[in-house]
């Protein structure tokens, strides 16, 4: 016997959205925590680099510093992208409209899943929960795209958001450097 899947009510979809918002905020907190840890490690290594005389040790430290700076940039971009996701989810929850933004969120999360940061268990689990929850909510909400929007346009919107996140990540790193 076949069973038809029951359509979720608006309250159930709101609960799903609230759960997605919690996951996004957890991801922000966790990525910011790792960002601060990496930044303090960079500062410590820079001080060590200045005091070391041995050129071989300096070369190793220089390589480690460049890898940590790259990781710092990735974490900052990850955090900013999750902030955008959280803001979009909050907008949907508060206004009850623009639920089609979940498709943009899905594309952002799809790109974040490609990041090597997902190998960090705390971040990988959050992204996995966001990806599954977003897909489930999209299926349950029966989203209809507004006039003039297509999947391609929404993918371009997600790419634009991620590009802006890179720029904002640089500013976030600079603010970390300037803070005591």
Protein backbone atom coordinates (compact mmCIF):
# COMPACT_ATOMS: atom_id res chain seq x y z
CA UNK A 1 0.00 0.00 0.00
CA UNK A 2 1.30 3.44 -0.89
CA UNK A 3 1.11 6.35 1.50
CA UNK A 4 0.97 9.92 0.40
CA UNK A 5 3.24 12.25 2.28
CA UNK A 6 1.25 14.67 4.41
CA UNK A 7 1.81 18.33 3.60
CA UNK A 8 3.34 20.19 6.55
CA UNK A 9 1.45 23.05 8.13
CA UNK A 10 2.83 26.57 8.29
CA UNK A 11 3.63 26.09 11.98
CA UNK A 12 5.65 22.96 11.23
CA UNK A 13 7.55 24.78 8.50
CA UNK A 14 8.22 27.65 10.93
CA UNK A 15 9.59 25.13 13.42
CA UNK A 16 11.83 23.72 10.71
CA UNK A 17 13.03 27.23 9.88
CA UNK A 18 13.70 27.94 13.56
CA UNK A 19 15.75 24.75 13.75
CA UNK A 20 17.72 25.87 10.66
CA UNK A 21 18.33 29.22 12.31
CA UNK A 22 19.73 27.50 15.40
CA UNK A 23 22.09 25.41 13.26
CA UNK A 24 23.26 28.52 11.38
CA UNK A 25 23.94 30.39 14.61
CA UNK A 26 25.79 27.39 16.04
CA UNK A 27 27.94 27.37 12.92
CA UNK A 28 28.68 31.08 13.32
CA UNK A 29 29.69 30.63 16.96
CA UNK A 30 31.88 27.62 16.20
CA UNK A 31 33.59 29.17 13.20
CA UNK A 32 34.25 32.40 15.14
CA UNK A 33 35.72 30.33 17.98
CA UNK A 34 38.10 28.59 15.58
CA UNK A 35 38.85 31.91 13.89
CA UNK A 36 39.96 33.46 17.18
CA UNK A 37 42.05 30.40 18.05
CA UNK A 38 43.79 30.49 14.66
CA UNK A 39 44.34 34.23 14.91
CA UNK A 40 45.99 33.95 18.33
CA UNK A 41 48.16 31.10 16.98
CA UNK A 42 49.23 33.35 14.09
CA UNK A 43 50.15 36.15 16.49
CA UNK A 44 52.21 33.75 18.61
CA UNK A 45 54.05 32.37 15.59
CA UNK A 46 54.75 35.87 14.26
CA UNK A 47 56.42 36.78 17.55
CA UNK A 48 58.39 33.53 17.45
CA UNK A 49 59.38 34.17 13.82
CA UNK A 50 60.91 37.54 14.70
CA UNK A 51 63.09 36.09 17.46
CA UNK A 52 64.43 33.07 15.55
CA UNK A 53 67.79 33.29 13.77
CA UNK A 54 67.96 29.89 12.03
CA UNK A 55 66.91 30.26 8.35
CA UNK A 56 65.59 26.68 8.14
CA UNK A 57 63.33 27.15 11.16
CA UNK A 58 62.20 30.51 9.75
CA UNK A 59 61.28 28.83 6.46
CA UNK A 60 59.17 26.24 8.29
CA UNK A 61 57.47 28.95 10.36
CA UNK A 62 56.83 31.04 7.24
CA UNK A 63 55.11 28.07 5.58
CA UNK A 64 53.03 27.37 8.69
CA UNK A 65 52.05 31.04 8.95
CA UNK A 66 50.88 31.12 5.32
CA UNK A 67 48.76 28.00 5.88
CA UNK A 68 47.25 29.44 9.05
CA UNK A 69 46.46 32.74 7.31
CA UNK A 70 44.72 30.82 4.52
CA UNK A 71 42.71 28.89 7.11
CA UNK A 72 41.90 32.16 8.89
CA UNK A 73 40.51 33.61 5.66
CA UNK A 74 38.44 30.47 5.00
CA UNK A 75 36.99 30.55 8.53
CA UNK A 76 36.11 34.23 8.25
CA UNK A 77 34.37 33.67 4.89
CA UNK A 78 32.55 30.64 6.32
CA UNK A 79 31.34 32.67 9.29
CA UNK A 80 30.15 35.58 7.16
CA UNK A 81 28.32 33.25 4.76
CA UNK A 82 26.55 31.62 7.72
CA UNK A 83 25.61 35.09 9.01
CA UNK A 84 23.95 35.79 5.66
CA UNK A 85 22.14 32.43 5.85
CA UNK A 86 20.94 33.22 9.39
CA UNK A 87 19.74 36.67 8.32
CA UNK A 88 17.80 35.23 5.38
CA UNK A 89 16.19 32.60 7.62
CA UNK A 90 15.26 35.25 10.21
CA UNK A 91 13.71 37.35 7.44
CA UNK A 92 11.59 34.41 6.30
CA UNK A 93 10.54 33.68 9.89
CA UNK A 94 9.66 37.27 10.75
CA UNK A 95 7.91 38.26 7.54
CA UNK A 96 6.50 34.90 6.52
CA UNK A 97 7.33 35.80 2.94
CA UNK A 98 10.21 35.28 0.54
CA UNK A 99 10.43 31.62 1.45
CA UNK A 100 11.93 31.15 -2.01
CA UNK A 101 15.14 32.50 -0.41
CA UNK A 102 15.59 28.95 0.88
CA UNK A 103 16.72 28.06 -2.62
CA UNK A 104 19.49 30.70 -2.37
CA UNK A 105 20.37 29.37 1.09
CA UNK A 106 20.55 25.84 -0.36
CA UNK A 107 23.04 27.04 -2.99
CA UNK A 108 25.17 28.86 -0.40
CA UNK A 109 25.26 25.75 1.77
CA UNK A 110 26.11 23.59 -1.23
CA UNK A 111 29.18 25.78 -1.83
CA UNK A 112 30.12 25.75 1.86
CA UNK A 113 29.96 21.94 1.82
CA UNK A 114 32.74 21.97 -0.78
CA UNK A 115 35.02 23.81 1.65
CA UNK A 116 37.78 21.88 3.35
CA UNK A 117 36.47 23.32 6.63
CA UNK A 118 33.80 20.64 6.64
CA UNK A 119 36.54 18.21 7.64
CA UNK A 120 36.44 19.92 11.05
CA UNK A 121 33.75 17.81 12.74
CA UNK A 122 32.07 20.73 14.55
CA UNK A 123 31.62 22.66 11.30
CA UNK A 124 30.92 19.67 9.07
CA UNK A 125 28.03 18.53 11.26
CA UNK A 126 26.46 21.99 11.24
CA UNK A 127 26.68 22.26 7.46
CA UNK A 128 25.30 18.75 7.03
CA UNK A 129 22.33 19.56 9.29
CA UNK A 130 21.74 22.84 7.43
CA UNK A 131 21.90 21.09 4.05
CA UNK A 132 19.48 18.34 5.05
CA UNK A 133 17.12 20.71 6.86
CA UNK A 134 17.05 23.21 4.01
CA UNK A 135 16.33 20.54 1.43
CA UNK A 136 13.60 19.04 3.61
CA UNK A 137 12.01 22.44 4.22
CA UNK A 138 12.13 23.30 0.52
CA UNK A 139 10.36 20.04 -0.31
CA UNK A 140 7.76 20.50 2.44
CA UNK A 141 7.05 24.16 1.72
CA UNK A 142 6.37 23.58 -1.97
CA UNK A 143 8.25 26.73 -2.94
CA UNK A 144 7.20 28.63 -6.02
CA UNK A 145 9.77 31.04 -7.41
CA UNK A 146 8.61 34.61 -7.99
CA UNK A 147 8.12 35.91 -11.51
CA UNK A 148 11.42 36.58 -13.26
CA UNK A 149 13.47 34.25 -11.04
CA UNK A 150 15.00 31.03 -12.23
CA UNK A 151 17.30 28.47 -10.66
CA UNK A 152 20.18 30.03 -12.58
CA UNK A 153 19.42 33.51 -11.22
CA UNK A 154 19.26 32.13 -7.67
CA UNK A 155 22.59 30.31 -8.14
CA UNK A 156 24.11 33.58 -9.36
CA UNK A 157 22.67 35.31 -6.28
CA UNK A 158 24.34 32.69 -4.05
CA UNK A 159 27.66 33.14 -5.90
CA UNK A 160 27.40 36.92 -5.46
CA UNK A 161 26.75 36.51 -1.74
CA UNK A 162 29.78 34.24 -1.36
CA UNK A 163 31.94 36.73 -3.27
CA UNK A 164 30.79 39.50 -0.93
CA UNK A 165 31.57 37.19 2.00
CA UNK A 166 35.18 37.01 0.82
CA UNK A 167 35.46 40.81 0.91
CA UNK A 168 33.77 40.97 4.31
CA UNK A 169 36.09 38.21 5.57
CA UNK A 170 39.11 40.39 4.83
CA UNK A 171 37.55 43.22 6.83
CA UNK A 172 36.77 40.82 9.69
CA UNK A 173 40.40 39.66 9.78
CA UNK A 174 41.63 43.25 9.80
CA UNK A 175 39.33 44.02 12.73
CA UNK A 176 40.80 41.03 14.58
CA UNK A 177 44.29 42.38 13.97
CA UNK A 178 43.33 45.81 15.26
CA UNK A 179 41.63 44.57 18.41
CA UNK A 180 43.83 44.10 21.50
